[in-house]
Amino acid sequence: DVQLQASGGGTVLPGGSLRLSCAASGVTFGNYAIGWWRQAPGEGREGVACISSRDASTYYGDSVKGRFTISIVNNAKDTVNLEMNSLKPEDTAVYYCAADKGTWEFGSCGAALRFFDYKGQGTQVTVSS
């Protein structure tokens, strides 16, 4: 069974940086994609970023391009970091780590990210002065 353990988040001033991490268990390297979607109060789900463990292709939502970076970071290839820079108040939301089985090559994970089969607990990110 796939399990996701998220960490990171918190409160930061506008222009600041945060890192979110997600450790996955029950996945096979090369056969899953993992990423983050977020939800602000009263809003729907917004895909933030995802990465394929097969070809390392990535997807970024338009609102975070150039500011956020997703990467697979450890030797076991089962932990993903989301580096968030130049944070804006509109980035404030609950962020959810999500994963799905499959190769998800060529950045295709973005199309289904918001509805991936597996989801970790949410972590709050607040950007405020």
N, C-alpha and C. Protein backbone atom coordinates (compact mmCIF):
# COMPACT_ATOMS: atom_id res chain seq x y z
N ASP A 1 0.84 -1.18 0.00
CA ASP A 1 0.00 0.00 0.00
C ASP A 1 0.89 1.24 0.00
N VAL A 2 0.52 2.21 -0.81
CA VAL A 2 1.31 3.43 -0.90
C VAL A 2 0.97 4.35 0.26
N GLN A 3 2.02 4.86 0.90
CA GLN A 3 1.85 5.84 1.96
C GLN A 3 2.76 7.02 1.71
N LEU A 4 2.28 8.21 2.02
CA LEU A 4 3.02 9.43 1.81
C LEU A 4 3.13 10.19 3.12
N GLN A 5 4.35 10.61 3.45
CA GLN A 5 4.59 11.35 4.67
C GLN A 5 5.16 12.70 4.30
N ALA A 6 4.39 13.73 4.53
CA ALA A 6 4.81 15.08 4.16
C ALA A 6 5.39 15.80 5.36
N SER A 7 6.30 16.72 5.09
CA SER A 7 6.87 17.56 6.13
C SER A 7 7.22 18.91 5.54
N GLY A 8 7.46 19.87 6.42
CA GLY A 8 7.78 21.22 5.98
C GLY A 8 6.57 22.12 6.12
N GLY A 9 6.63 23.25 5.45
CA GLY A 9 5.56 24.22 5.54
C GLY A 9 5.81 25.18 6.69
N GLY A 10 4.83 26.04 6.93
CA GLY A 10 4.95 27.03 7.99
C GLY A 10 4.54 28.40 7.50
N THR A 11 5.03 29.40 8.23
CA THR A 11 4.70 30.80 7.91
C THR A 11 5.96 31.53 7.50
N VAL A 12 5.84 32.34 6.45
CA VAL A 12 7.00 33.05 5.94
C VAL A 12 6.57 34.41 5.42
N LEU A 13 7.48 35.35 5.41
CA LEU A 13 7.20 36.67 4.86
C LEU A 13 7.17 36.62 3.33
N PRO A 14 6.44 37.52 2.71
CA PRO A 14 6.47 37.58 1.24
C PRO A 14 7.91 37.74 0.75
N GLY A 15 8.22 37.00 -0.31
CA GLY A 15 9.58 36.99 -0.82
C GLY A 15 10.47 35.94 -0.21
N GLY A 16 9.98 35.28 0.82
CA GLY A 16 10.77 34.27 1.51
C GLY A 16 10.70 32.91 0.82
N SER A 17 11.32 31.93 1.48
CA SER A 17 11.41 30.58 0.91
C SER A 17 11.00 29.53 1.94
N LEU A 18 10.49 28.42 1.43
CA LEU A 18 10.17 27.27 2.25
C LEU A 18 10.46 26.02 1.44
N ARG A 19 10.63 24.90 2.16
CA ARG A 19 10.80 23.61 1.50
C ARG A 19 9.78 22.63 2.05
N LEU A 20 9.11 21.93 1.14
CA LEU A 20 8.24 20.83 1.50
C LEU A 20 8.91 19.52 1.06
N SER A 21 8.78 18.49 1.89
CA SER A 21 9.30 17.18 1.55
C SER A 21 8.19 16.14 1.63
N CYS A 22 8.33 15.12 0.82
CA CYS A 22 7.34 14.03 0.83
C CYS A 22 8.09 12.71 0.66
N ALA A 23 7.97 11.85 1.64
CA ALA A 23 8.58 10.53 1.59
C ALA A 23 7.52 9.50 1.24
N ALA A 24 7.78 8.71 0.21
CA ALA A 24 6.82 7.72 -0.25
C ALA A 24 7.28 6.31 0.09
N SER A 25 6.35 5.49 0.51
CA SER A 25 6.64 4.07 0.71
C SER A 25 5.61 3.26 -0.07
N GLY A 26 6.01 2.05 -0.45
CA GLY A 26 5.11 1.21 -1.21
C GLY A 26 5.11 1.51 -2.70
N VAL A 27 6.08 2.31 -3.17
CA VAL A 27 6.19 2.63 -4.59
C VAL A 27 7.43 1.98 -5.17
N THR A 28 7.42 1.79 -6.45
CA THR A 28 8.57 1.22 -7.17
C THR A 28 9.19 2.31 -8.01
N PHE A 29 10.47 2.55 -7.78
CA PHE A 29 11.14 3.61 -8.54
C PHE A 29 11.05 3.30 -10.02
N GLY A 30 10.74 4.36 -10.78
CA GLY A 30 10.55 4.20 -12.21
C GLY A 30 9.11 3.96 -12.61
N ASN A 31 8.25 3.74 -11.62
CA ASN A 31 6.86 3.44 -11.91
C ASN A 31 5.91 4.26 -11.05
N TYR A 32 6.26 5.51 -10.81
CA TYR A 32 5.33 6.39 -10.12
C TYR A 32 5.68 7.84 -10.43
N ALA A 33 4.71 8.69 -10.23
CA ALA A 33 4.91 10.14 -10.24
C ALA A 33 4.44 10.66 -8.90
N ILE A 34 5.05 11.75 -8.47
CA ILE A 34 4.72 12.33 -7.18
C ILE A 34 4.74 13.83 -7.30
N GLY A 35 3.91 14.49 -6.55
CA GLY A 35 3.87 15.94 -6.64
C GLY A 35 3.03 16.56 -5.56
N TRP A 36 2.67 17.81 -5.79
CA TRP A 36 1.90 18.57 -4.81
C TRP A 36 0.75 19.30 -5.50
N TRP A 37 -0.38 19.28 -4.87
CA TRP A 37 -1.46 20.20 -5.24
C TRP A 37 -1.84 20.98 -3.99
N ARG A 38 -2.49 22.09 -4.16
CA ARG A 38 -2.84 22.93 -3.03
C ARG A 38 -4.27 23.38 -3.10
N GLN A 39 -4.77 23.78 -1.95
CA GLN A 39 -6.14 24.26 -1.88
C GLN A 39 -6.23 25.38 -0.86
N ALA A 40 -6.64 26.53 -1.33
CA ALA A 40 -6.85 27.68 -0.46
C ALA A 40 -8.31 27.69 0.00
N PRO A 41 -8.62 28.36 1.10
CA PRO A 41 -10.00 28.39 1.59
C PRO A 41 -10.97 28.89 0.52
N GLY A 42 -12.02 28.13 0.29
CA GLY A 42 -13.03 28.53 -0.66
C GLY A 42 -12.66 28.33 -2.12
N GLU A 43 -11.49 27.74 -2.34
CA GLU A 43 -11.03 27.52 -3.72
C GLU A 43 -10.96 26.03 -4.03
N GLY A 44 -10.82 25.72 -5.32
CA GLY A 44 -10.66 24.34 -5.74
C GLY A 44 -9.21 23.91 -5.68
N ARG A 45 -8.96 22.68 -6.07
CA ARG A 45 -7.60 22.17 -6.09
C ARG A 45 -6.81 22.80 -7.22
N GLU A 46 -5.56 23.13 -6.94
CA GLU A 46 -4.66 23.68 -7.97
C GLU A 46 -3.40 22.83 -8.02
N GLY A 47 -3.08 22.29 -9.16
CA GLY A 47 -1.86 21.53 -9.33
C GLY A 47 -0.65 22.45 -9.23
N VAL A 48 0.31 22.09 -8.39
CA VAL A 48 1.48 22.92 -8.18
C VAL A 48 2.67 22.40 -9.00
N ALA A 49 3.08 21.17 -8.73
CA ALA A 49 4.23 20.59 -9.43
C ALA A 49 4.22 19.08 -9.25
N CYS A 50 4.79 18.38 -10.22
CA CYS A 50 4.96 16.93 -10.08
C CYS A 50 6.15 16.48 -10.92
N ILE A 51 6.63 15.26 -10.61
CA ILE A 51 7.81 14.73 -11.27
C ILE A 51 7.62 13.23 -11.50
N SER A 52 8.10 12.76 -12.65
CA SER A 52 8.05 11.34 -12.97
C SER A 52 9.34 10.67 -12.49
N SER A 53 9.22 9.55 -11.82
CA SER A 53 10.41 8.82 -11.41
C SER A 53 11.00 8.03 -12.59
N ARG A 54 10.29 7.94 -13.70
CA ARG A 54 10.79 7.21 -14.86
C ARG A 54 11.77 8.05 -15.65
N ASP A 55 11.37 9.29 -16.00
CA ASP A 55 12.26 10.09 -16.85
C ASP A 55 12.61 11.44 -16.23
N ALA A 56 12.19 11.64 -14.97
CA ALA A 56 12.47 12.89 -14.24
C ALA A 56 11.85 14.11 -14.91
N SER A 57 10.90 13.91 -15.80
CA SER A 57 10.22 15.06 -16.39
C SER A 57 9.33 15.70 -15.32
N THR A 58 9.13 17.00 -15.46
CA THR A 58 8.39 17.74 -14.45
C THR A 58 7.25 18.53 -15.07
N TYR A 59 6.34 18.90 -14.20
CA TYR A 59 5.24 19.80 -14.54
C TYR A 59 5.17 20.86 -13.46
N TYR A 60 4.92 22.11 -13.88
CA TYR A 60 4.69 23.21 -12.94
C TYR A 60 3.44 23.96 -13.35
N GLY A 61 2.65 24.31 -12.36
CA GLY A 61 1.51 25.17 -12.63
C GLY A 61 1.98 26.55 -13.04
N ASP A 62 1.20 27.23 -13.85
CA ASP A 62 1.61 28.54 -14.36
C ASP A 62 1.93 29.53 -13.25
N SER A 63 1.21 29.45 -12.15
CA SER A 63 1.40 30.44 -11.09
C SER A 63 2.70 30.25 -10.31
N VAL A 64 3.37 29.10 -10.47
CA VAL A 64 4.58 28.84 -9.70
C VAL A 64 5.82 28.68 -10.57
N LYS A 65 5.66 28.69 -11.86
CA LYS A 65 6.80 28.52 -12.76
C LYS A 65 7.87 29.58 -12.49
N GLY A 66 9.12 29.11 -12.42
CA GLY A 66 10.23 30.01 -12.19
C GLY A 66 10.49 30.30 -10.73
N ARG A 67 9.57 29.88 -9.86
CA ARG A 67 9.74 30.13 -8.42
C ARG A 67 9.87 28.83 -7.62
N PHE A 68 9.21 27.79 -8.06
CA PHE A 68 9.22 26.51 -7.36
C PHE A 68 10.03 25.51 -8.16
N THR A 69 10.70 24.59 -7.43
CA THR A 69 11.47 23.53 -8.06
C THR A 69 11.19 22.22 -7.34
N ILE A 70 10.84 21.19 -8.10
CA ILE A 70 10.58 19.86 -7.54
C ILE A 70 11.72 18.93 -7.95
N SER A 71 12.14 18.06 -7.05
CA SER A 71 13.22 17.14 -7.36
C SER A 71 13.14 15.88 -6.49
N ILE A 72 13.64 14.79 -7.04
CA ILE A 72 13.80 13.54 -6.28
C ILE A 72 15.18 13.61 -5.67
N VAL A 73 15.28 13.45 -4.38
CA VAL A 73 16.48 13.89 -3.68
C VAL A 73 17.31 12.84 -2.96
N ASN A 74 16.89 11.60 -2.84
CA ASN A 74 17.74 10.73 -2.05
C ASN A 74 18.09 9.46 -2.82
N ASN A 75 19.05 8.71 -2.29
CA ASN A 75 19.54 7.52 -2.98
C ASN A 75 18.46 6.47 -3.15
N ALA A 76 17.52 6.44 -2.22
CA ALA A 76 16.45 5.46 -2.33
C ALA A 76 15.39 5.88 -3.33
N LYS A 77 15.53 7.12 -3.81
CA LYS A 77 14.62 7.64 -4.85
C LYS A 77 13.17 7.64 -4.41
N ASP A 78 12.93 7.80 -3.13
CA ASP A 78 11.55 7.78 -2.68
C ASP A 78 11.17 9.03 -1.89
N THR A 79 12.00 10.06 -1.97
CA THR A 79 11.71 11.32 -1.30
C THR A 79 11.80 12.45 -2.32
N VAL A 80 10.83 13.31 -2.26
CA VAL A 80 10.76 14.44 -3.18
C VAL A 80 10.72 15.73 -2.39
N ASN A 81 11.46 16.71 -2.85
CA ASN A 81 11.44 18.05 -2.24
C ASN A 81 10.78 19.04 -3.19
N LEU A 82 10.09 19.97 -2.62
CA LEU A 82 9.55 21.11 -3.36
C LEU A 82 10.16 22.37 -2.74
N GLU A 83 11.08 22.98 -3.46
CA GLU A 83 11.69 24.22 -3.01
C GLU A 83 10.82 25.38 -3.51
N MET A 84 10.36 26.18 -2.58
CA MET A 84 9.47 27.28 -2.92
C MET A 84 10.17 28.61 -2.60
N ASN A 85 10.44 29.38 -3.63
CA ASN A 85 11.13 30.66 -3.48
C ASN A 85 10.22 31.80 -3.92
N SER A 86 10.62 33.00 -3.54
CA SER A 86 9.86 34.21 -3.91
C SER A 86 8.38 34.03 -3.61
N LEU A 87 8.09 33.55 -2.43
CA LEU A 87 6.71 33.25 -2.07
C LEU A 87 5.86 34.52 -2.02
N LYS A 88 4.60 34.35 -2.41
CA LYS A 88 3.65 35.44 -2.46
C LYS A 88 2.47 35.12 -1.56
N PRO A 89 1.75 36.11 -1.11
CA PRO A 89 0.56 35.84 -0.28
C PRO A 89 -0.42 34.89 -0.96
N GLU A 90 -0.52 34.95 -2.26
CA GLU A 90 -1.44 34.07 -2.98
C GLU A 90 -0.98 32.61 -3.02
N ASP A 91 0.23 32.34 -2.51
CA ASP A 91 0.67 30.95 -2.37
C ASP A 91 0.13 30.32 -1.08
N THR A 92 -0.50 31.11 -0.25
CA THR A 92 -1.06 30.60 1.00
C THR A 92 -2.14 29.57 0.72
N ALA A 93 -1.96 28.37 1.27
CA ALA A 93 -2.89 27.27 1.04
C ALA A 93 -2.45 26.07 1.87
N VAL A 94 -3.30 25.05 1.90
CA VAL A 94 -2.88 23.74 2.40
C VAL A 94 -2.31 22.97 1.22
N TYR A 95 -1.12 22.48 1.38
CA TYR A 95 -0.44 21.75 0.31
C TYR A 95 -0.52 20.25 0.61
N TYR A 96 -0.87 19.48 -0.43
CA TYR A 96 -1.00 18.04 -0.29
C TYR A 96 -0.01 17.33 -1.20
N CYS A 97 0.75 16.41 -0.63
CA CYS A 97 1.60 15.54 -1.41
C CYS A 97 0.71 14.44 -2.02
N ALA A 98 0.93 14.13 -3.28
CA ALA A 98 0.11 13.13 -3.96
C ALA A 98 0.97 12.28 -4.87
N ALA A 99 0.57 11.04 -5.07
CA ALA A 99 1.33 10.13 -5.93
C ALA A 99 0.39 9.21 -6.68
N ASP A 100 0.89 8.68 -7.78
CA ASP A 100 0.13 7.70 -8.55
C ASP A 100 1.10 6.77 -9.25
N LYS A 101 0.70 5.54 -9.43
CA LYS A 101 1.54 4.57 -10.11
C LYS A 101 1.49 4.82 -11.61
N GLY A 102 2.57 4.40 -12.28
CA GLY A 102 2.64 4.60 -13.72
C GLY A 102 3.90 5.35 -14.08
N THR A 103 4.22 5.41 -15.37
CA THR A 103 5.48 6.03 -15.79
C THR A 103 5.36 7.55 -15.91
N TRP A 104 4.22 8.05 -16.31
CA TRP A 104 3.96 9.50 -16.34
C TRP A 104 5.11 10.26 -16.99
N GLU A 105 5.55 9.83 -18.12
CA GLU A 105 6.68 10.46 -18.80
C GLU A 105 6.28 11.75 -19.50
N PHE A 106 7.30 12.52 -19.89
CA PHE A 106 7.14 13.73 -20.70
C PHE A 106 6.27 14.79 -20.03
N GLY A 107 6.30 14.84 -18.72
CA GLY A 107 5.54 15.86 -18.01
C GLY A 107 4.05 15.61 -17.95
N SER A 108 3.63 14.41 -18.26
CA SER A 108 2.19 14.12 -18.32
C SER A 108 1.52 14.07 -16.96
N CYS A 109 2.33 14.03 -15.89
CA CYS A 109 1.71 13.93 -14.56
C CYS A 109 0.85 15.14 -14.25
N GLY A 110 1.15 16.27 -14.88
CA GLY A 110 0.41 17.49 -14.59
C GLY A 110 -1.08 17.40 -14.88
N ALA A 111 -1.42 16.61 -15.88
CA ALA A 111 -2.81 16.52 -16.30
C ALA A 111 -3.70 15.86 -15.26
N ALA A 112 -3.12 14.99 -14.43
CA ALA A 112 -3.92 14.22 -13.47
C ALA A 112 -3.53 14.48 -12.03
N LEU A 113 -2.58 15.35 -11.80
CA LEU A 113 -2.01 15.56 -10.46
C LEU A 113 -3.08 15.78 -9.40
N ARG A 114 -4.05 16.60 -9.70
CA ARG A 114 -5.06 16.94 -8.70
C ARG A 114 -5.91 15.74 -8.30
N PHE A 115 -5.85 14.68 -9.05
CA PHE A 115 -6.71 13.53 -8.78
C PHE A 115 -5.91 12.24 -8.66
N PHE A 116 -4.63 12.36 -8.32
CA PHE A 116 -3.80 11.18 -8.10
C PHE A 116 -4.44 10.28 -7.04
N ASP A 117 -4.16 8.98 -7.14
CA ASP A 117 -4.81 8.00 -6.28
C ASP A 117 -4.43 8.11 -4.81
N TYR A 118 -3.21 8.54 -4.54
CA TYR A 118 -2.71 8.52 -3.17
C TYR A 118 -2.41 9.95 -2.70
N LYS A 119 -2.75 10.22 -1.46
CA LYS A 119 -2.59 11.57 -0.93
C LYS A 119 -2.08 11.51 0.51
N GLY A 120 -1.12 12.38 0.82
CA GLY A 120 -0.63 12.46 2.19
C GLY A 120 -1.43 13.49 2.98
N GLN A 121 -1.02 13.69 4.22
CA GLN A 121 -1.71 14.69 5.01
C GLN A 121 -1.35 16.07 4.50
N GLY A 122 -2.21 17.03 4.65
CA GLY A 122 -1.94 18.38 4.20
C GLY A 122 -0.99 19.10 5.13
N THR A 123 -0.27 20.05 4.58
CA THR A 123 0.60 20.90 5.37
C THR A 123 0.33 22.36 5.01
N GLN A 124 0.19 23.19 6.03
CA GLN A 124 -0.18 24.59 5.81
C GLN A 124 1.03 25.42 5.43
N VAL A 125 0.87 26.21 4.39
CA VAL A 125 1.85 27.22 4.01
C VAL A 125 1.14 28.57 4.07
N THR A 126 1.70 29.48 4.85
CA THR A 126 1.12 30.81 5.00
C THR A 126 2.19 31.84 4.65
N VAL A 127 1.86 32.71 3.72
CA VAL A 127 2.76 33.78 3.32
C VAL A 127 2.09 35.09 3.71
N SER A 128 2.66 35.76 4.68
CA SER A 128 2.01 36.94 5.21
C SER A 128 3.03 37.85 5.88
N SER A 129 2.76 39.15 5.78
CA SER A 129 3.61 40.11 6.47
C SER A 129 3.00 40.48 7.81
